[in-house]
Protein backbone atom coordinates (compact mmCIF):
# COMPACT_ATOMS: atom_id res chain seq x y z
CA UNK A 1 72.94 161.04 58.32
CA UNK A 2 72.42 158.34 55.83
CA UNK A 3 70.14 155.40 56.59
CA UNK A 4 71.61 152.04 55.55
CA UNK A 5 69.12 149.31 54.75
CA UNK A 6 69.48 145.68 53.81
CA UNK A 7 66.25 145.84 51.92
CA UNK A 8 66.99 145.70 48.24
CA UNK A 9 63.38 146.15 47.29
CA UNK A 10 62.70 142.52 46.41
CA UNK A 11 60.58 140.27 48.57
CA UNK A 12 61.64 136.79 49.70
CA UNK A 13 59.73 133.94 48.13
CA UNK A 14 57.09 132.76 50.71
CA UNK A 15 57.80 129.08 49.96
CA UNK A 16 61.52 129.60 50.64
CA UNK A 17 60.69 131.46 53.86
CA UNK A 18 58.50 128.54 55.08
CA UNK A 19 61.23 126.02 54.18
CA UNK A 20 63.85 127.98 56.16
CA UNK A 21 61.53 128.21 59.19
CA UNK A 22 60.88 124.46 59.00
CA UNK A 23 64.60 123.63 58.82
CA UNK A 24 65.36 125.91 61.80
CA UNK A 25 62.50 124.47 63.88
CA UNK A 26 63.43 120.84 63.10
CA UNK A 27 67.10 121.53 63.86
CA UNK A 28 66.19 123.00 67.25
CA UNK A 29 63.92 120.02 68.00
CA UNK A 30 66.69 117.52 67.15
CA UNK A 31 69.21 119.38 69.33
CA UNK A 32 66.78 119.53 72.28
CA UNK A 33 65.88 115.82 71.91
CA UNK A 34 69.56 114.90 71.84
CA UNK A 35 70.22 116.94 74.98
CA UNK A 36 67.29 115.25 76.74
CA UNK A 37 68.52 111.76 75.84
CA UNK A 38 72.06 112.62 76.92
CA UNK A 39 71.02 113.99 80.31
CA UNK A 40 68.65 111.07 80.91
CA UNK A 41 71.32 108.45 80.32
CA UNK A 42 74.20 110.29 81.97
CA UNK A 43 72.22 110.93 85.17
CA UNK A 44 70.99 107.38 85.58
CA UNK A 45 72.77 104.91 87.80
CA UNK A 46 71.92 101.35 88.51
CA UNK A 47 70.86 100.43 92.02
CA UNK A 48 73.32 98.31 94.01
CA UNK A 49 72.69 95.90 96.87
CA UNK A 50 74.68 96.04 100.13
CA UNK A 51 76.97 93.15 99.13
CA UNK A 52 77.95 94.99 95.91
CA UNK A 53 78.40 98.22 97.85
CA UNK A 54 80.75 96.63 100.41
CA UNK A 55 82.85 95.12 97.64
CA UNK A 56 83.39 98.26 95.57
CA UNK A 57 82.31 101.51 97.27
CA UNK A 58 84.67 104.48 97.20
CA UNK A 59 84.18 107.50 99.52
CA UNK A 60 83.81 110.20 96.85
CA UNK A 61 81.08 108.50 94.80
CA UNK A 62 77.30 108.41 95.29
CA UNK A 63 75.46 105.11 94.92
CA UNK A 64 71.80 104.20 94.69
CA UNK A 65 71.37 101.55 97.40
CA UNK A 66 68.47 99.11 97.32
CA UNK A 67 67.56 96.43 99.82
CA UNK A 68 65.47 95.63 102.89
CA UNK A 69 65.52 97.44 106.23
CA UNK A 70 66.91 95.00 108.81
CA UNK A 71 64.39 94.20 111.56
CA UNK A 72 65.17 96.00 114.83
CA UNK A 73 67.88 98.19 113.29
CA UNK A 74 66.00 101.52 113.14
CA UNK A 75 67.32 103.99 115.75
CA UNK A 76 65.89 107.50 116.02
CA UNK A 77 68.36 110.38 116.41
CA UNK A 78 67.74 114.06 117.02
CA UNK A 79 68.68 114.89 113.42
CA UNK A 80 67.49 111.73 111.62
CA UNK A 81 67.69 107.94 111.79
CA UNK A 82 70.26 105.16 111.71
CA UNK A 83 69.33 101.79 110.26
CA UNK A 84 70.78 98.82 108.40
CA UNK A 85 69.95 97.74 104.85
CA UNK A 86 70.40 94.11 103.81
CA UNK A 87 70.44 92.23 100.52
CA UNK A 88 67.06 90.78 99.62
CA UNK A 89 68.22 87.37 100.86
CA UNK A 90 69.33 88.94 104.18
CA UNK A 91 72.95 87.70 104.11
CA UNK A 92 74.84 91.03 104.03
CA UNK A 93 73.87 94.40 105.50
CA UNK A 94 75.35 97.90 105.69
CA UNK A 95 74.77 100.72 108.22
CA UNK A 96 73.03 103.85 106.91
CA UNK A 97 72.71 107.26 108.59
CA UNK A 98 69.95 109.41 107.12
CA UNK A 99 68.66 112.94 107.70
CA UNK A 100 65.65 114.07 105.74
CA UNK A 101 62.02 113.27 105.08
CA UNK A 102 61.09 109.73 106.12
CA UNK A 103 58.22 108.18 104.14
CA UNK A 104 55.23 106.95 106.20
CA UNK A 105 55.56 103.31 105.06
CA UNK A 106 59.23 103.16 106.19
CA UNK A 107 59.63 100.31 108.71
CA UNK A 108 61.46 97.06 109.41
CA UNK A 109 61.48 94.63 106.50
CA UNK A 110 60.46 97.17 103.83
CA UNK A 111 62.38 97.44 100.59
CA UNK A 112 63.93 100.86 100.12
CA UNK A 113 65.98 102.84 97.64
CA UNK A 114 68.31 105.58 98.90
CA UNK A 115 71.24 107.55 97.49
CA UNK A 116 74.29 107.03 99.73
CA UNK A 117 78.00 107.82 99.89
CA UNK A 118 80.60 106.07 101.98
CA UNK A 119 81.94 107.78 105.11
CA UNK A 120 84.22 105.49 107.08
CA UNK A 121 82.30 102.29 107.79
CA UNK A 122 78.88 103.96 107.50
CA UNK A 123 76.94 105.03 104.44
CA UNK A 124 75.43 108.52 104.62
CA UNK A 125 72.05 108.88 102.94
CA UNK A 126 71.60 112.02 100.88
CA UNK A 127 68.82 114.25 102.21
CA UNK A 128 65.32 113.51 100.89
CA UNK A 129 66.35 110.53 98.71
CA UNK A 130 64.81 107.78 100.84
CA UNK A 131 62.07 105.97 98.93
CA UNK A 132 60.09 103.06 100.31
CA UNK A 133 58.89 100.44 97.86
CA UNK A 134 55.31 99.45 98.54
CA UNK A 135 54.89 95.73 99.11
CA UNK A 136 53.04 93.95 96.35
CA UNK A 137 49.52 92.97 97.23
CA UNK A 138 49.86 90.02 94.84
CA UNK A 139 52.11 86.99 95.09
CA UNK A 140 52.91 84.32 92.50
CA UNK A 141 50.73 81.25 92.68
CA UNK A 142 52.52 77.92 93.28
CA UNK A 143 51.76 76.63 89.78
CA UNK A 144 53.21 79.74 88.12
CA UNK A 145 49.90 80.92 86.64
CA UNK A 146 48.09 84.16 87.52
CA UNK A 147 49.09 86.03 90.66
CA UNK A 148 46.83 85.70 93.69
CA UNK A 149 46.16 88.34 96.36
CA UNK A 150 48.71 88.06 99.18
CA UNK A 151 45.92 87.76 101.78
CA UNK A 152 44.75 84.51 100.21
CA UNK A 153 41.36 85.85 99.08
CA UNK A 154 40.16 85.13 95.60
CA UNK A 155 40.63 87.94 93.09
CA UNK A 156 37.62 90.18 92.56
CA UNK A 157 35.54 89.37 89.50
CA UNK A 158 34.53 91.97 86.98
CA UNK A 159 31.05 92.63 88.41
CA UNK A 160 29.29 91.98 91.72
CA UNK A 161 26.92 88.98 91.87
């Protein structure tokens, strides 16, 4: 048997070898960065409020719903909870049925974000997508300057007196 070799006895120039490795590595990095940017933008969806959802929701599509939990609307079920989500101004609300992990701060009046899809007149929350926004501990001051603590106390200074 005859052994066939690609080696012609000459060595590749080390500078050329480094240049080829650099081009291959940079090409792979550019391809991976492009794939990351593409998946980031294609997977993102803007959050919609209940009024927008009522106006344009279709049954086959998933939406990211944001709004406030309507006071007194939370009903426990054996397999989850039912509640209503309203626009921030409280004018329009939609019913949501959810099964999955419920965050500890979830309660009446809290702002939430949840992925939902339309099923009849109810919106079904996708499992484990319920997120509760924490209320801000600061509120805007009446004159539009620095924010003040929501409890009315003065902000803490840099060092104790």
